[in-house]
Every structure is written in C-alpha cells, then in structure tokens.
Amino acid sequence: MSSDNSSQSNDVDNIQRDIDIWKGRLTLVAIGLFVLYAMAFFTLKDFPKSLDAEKWGQFGDFIGGLMNPLVAFAAFYWLTRSVKLQKQELAATRGRVECCQCYAERAC
C-alpha cells in the first residue's frame, strides 16, 4: 500500500513539475513575441503607423493566429496527461476495492 502511495506522490510531483515547466515556456514565448513586436515597432520609426482601426484589427487577428496553435497544443497535451493520470488512479482504486472485498469475504 505504501509503495502505491509513494508512486502516486511521485506522479503528482512529476505532473506539478511539468506544469511549472510549461508555464515557464508559454511565458517565455509570450514575452518573446512581445519583444519581437516592440523591436519591429521601434526599428520601423520612419514607417507610417496606421490610424485605421481595421488594420489594427487585422494585426490582432495575426497575433491571435500565432498564439492559438500554441495554446491549443498545450491544452491537448494536458488533456492527454490528465486522462493518463485518471487511468492510473482508477487502476489503483480498483486494486484497493478488490483487496477490501477479499478481506470482507474472509471476515464473513
């Protein structure tokens, strides 16, 4: 029983570590995109900036189009990780239920 608990604890610790790594990666990507935009904005000083809201809307759609696949990939990754963890938890729970049934049958 204690080996199951330590195994589950390790799984939870590993998942928490992975979550922290992914948070850092996504934060770095967001900061990197912002820095690239800022660099382009300040290096193109002579380039006229549009006052047309439609152009800025198109630019926002472009940025959203860049970020959407990254966010979707991260969501899919964590969905598959959570399903895997739930399967492991279900298998451990089934094992314990079978053990308890065995003890209950012996007691009767």
Protein backbone atom coordinates (compact mmCIF):
# COMPACT_ATOMS: atom_id res chain seq x y z
CA MET A 1 0.00 0.00 0.00
CA SER A 2 2.74 2.46 0.87
CA SER A 3 4.50 1.79 -2.42
CA ASP A 4 1.27 2.76 -4.22
CA ASN A 5 1.13 5.99 -2.22
CA SER A 6 4.74 6.87 -2.98
CA SER A 7 4.21 6.06 -6.66
CA GLN A 8 1.15 8.30 -6.78
CA SER A 9 3.00 11.02 -4.91
CA ASN A 10 5.84 10.83 -7.45
CA ASP A 11 3.32 11.05 -10.29
CA VAL A 12 1.73 14.13 -8.75
CA ASP A 13 5.16 15.71 -8.17
CA ASN A 14 6.17 14.97 -11.77
CA ILE A 15 2.97 16.49 -13.12
CA GLN A 16 3.41 19.60 -10.96
CA ARG A 17 6.98 19.94 -12.24
CA ASP A 18 5.75 19.57 -15.83
CA ILE A 19 3.07 22.20 -15.24
CA ASP A 20 5.68 24.62 -13.93
CA ILE A 21 7.91 23.94 -16.96
CA TRP A 22 5.02 24.55 -19.36
CA LYS A 23 4.05 27.76 -17.59
CA GLY A 24 7.62 28.98 -17.98
CA ARG A 25 7.75 28.01 -21.65
CA LEU A 26 4.47 29.70 -22.50
CA THR A 27 5.52 32.80 -20.58
CA LEU A 28 8.81 32.92 -22.48
CA VAL A 29 7.00 32.55 -25.82
CA ALA A 30 4.60 35.38 -24.92
CA ILE A 31 7.45 37.62 -23.77
CA GLY A 32 9.47 36.73 -26.88
CA LEU A 33 6.59 37.68 -29.18
CA PHE A 34 6.13 40.95 -27.33
CA VAL A 35 9.84 41.74 -27.57
CA LEU A 36 9.85 40.95 -31.30
CA TYR A 37 6.88 43.22 -31.80
CA ALA A 38 8.47 46.01 -29.76
CA MET A 39 11.74 45.68 -31.68
CA ALA A 40 9.91 45.82 -35.01
CA PHE A 41 7.81 48.75 -33.84
CA PHE A 42 10.80 50.81 -32.75
CA THR A 43 13.06 49.89 -35.67
CA LEU A 44 10.44 50.93 -38.19
CA LYS A 45 10.22 54.51 -36.91
CA ASP A 46 10.01 56.00 -40.39
CA PHE A 47 7.32 53.58 -41.45
CA PRO A 48 3.92 55.28 -41.11
CA LYS A 49 1.67 53.83 -38.42
CA SER A 50 -1.89 53.22 -39.47
CA LEU A 51 -4.66 55.13 -37.76
CA ASP A 52 -7.22 52.82 -39.33
CA ALA A 53 -8.84 50.54 -36.74
CA GLU A 54 -9.38 47.89 -39.42
CA LYS A 55 -5.62 47.48 -39.93
CA TRP A 56 -5.03 47.11 -36.20
CA GLY A 57 -7.83 44.54 -36.06
CA GLN A 58 -6.09 42.55 -38.77
CA PHE A 59 -2.85 42.75 -36.83
CA GLY A 60 -4.63 41.45 -33.72
CA ASP A 61 -6.03 38.56 -35.76
CA PHE A 62 -2.50 37.79 -36.92
CA ILE A 63 -1.17 37.67 -33.34
CA GLY A 64 -4.12 35.53 -32.29
CA GLY A 65 -3.43 33.21 -35.20
CA LEU A 66 0.15 32.79 -33.99
CA MET A 67 -0.79 32.13 -30.38
CA ASN A 68 -3.84 29.90 -30.96
CA PRO A 69 -1.92 26.78 -32.13
CA LEU A 70 0.46 27.06 -29.18
CA VAL A 71 -2.37 27.30 -26.67
CA ALA A 72 -4.32 24.51 -28.39
CA PHE A 73 -1.27 22.22 -28.34
CA ALA A 74 -0.71 22.89 -24.64
CA ALA A 75 -4.39 22.20 -23.89
CA PHE A 76 -4.32 18.93 -25.83
CA TYR A 77 -1.11 17.87 -24.09
CA TRP A 78 -2.59 18.46 -20.64
CA LEU A 79 -5.84 16.76 -21.59
CA THR A 80 -3.95 13.60 -22.53
CA ARG A 81 -1.84 13.83 -19.37
CA SER A 82 -4.93 14.14 -17.18
CA VAL A 83 -6.58 11.14 -18.87
CA LYS A 84 -3.44 9.08 -18.27
CA LEU A 85 -3.37 10.11 -14.60
CA GLN A 86 -7.06 9.28 -14.20
CA LYS A 87 -6.47 5.81 -15.67
CA GLN A 88 -3.67 5.21 -13.17
CA GLU A 89 -5.84 6.39 -10.28
CA LEU A 90 -8.72 4.18 -11.45
CA ALA A 91 -6.45 1.15 -11.62
CA ALA A 92 -5.16 1.83 -8.09
CA THR A 93 -8.70 2.30 -6.79
CA ARG A 94 -9.86 -0.94 -8.39
CA GLY A 95 -6.97 -2.78 -6.76
CA ARG A 96 -7.90 -1.45 -3.35
CA VAL A 97 -11.58 -2.24 -3.81
CA GLU A 98 -10.71 -5.82 -4.76
CA CYS A 99 -8.45 -6.06 -1.71
CA CYS A 100 -11.24 -4.78 0.56
CA GLN A 101 -13.71 -7.25 -0.96
CA CYS A 102 -11.25 -10.05 -0.30
CA TYR A 103 -10.94 -9.06 3.37
CA ALA A 104 -14.73 -8.70 3.67
CA GLU A 105 -15.29 -12.19 2.24
CA ARG A 106 -12.77 -13.68 4.67
CA ALA A 107 -14.40 -11.94 7.64
CA CYS A 108 -17.81 -13.38 6.83
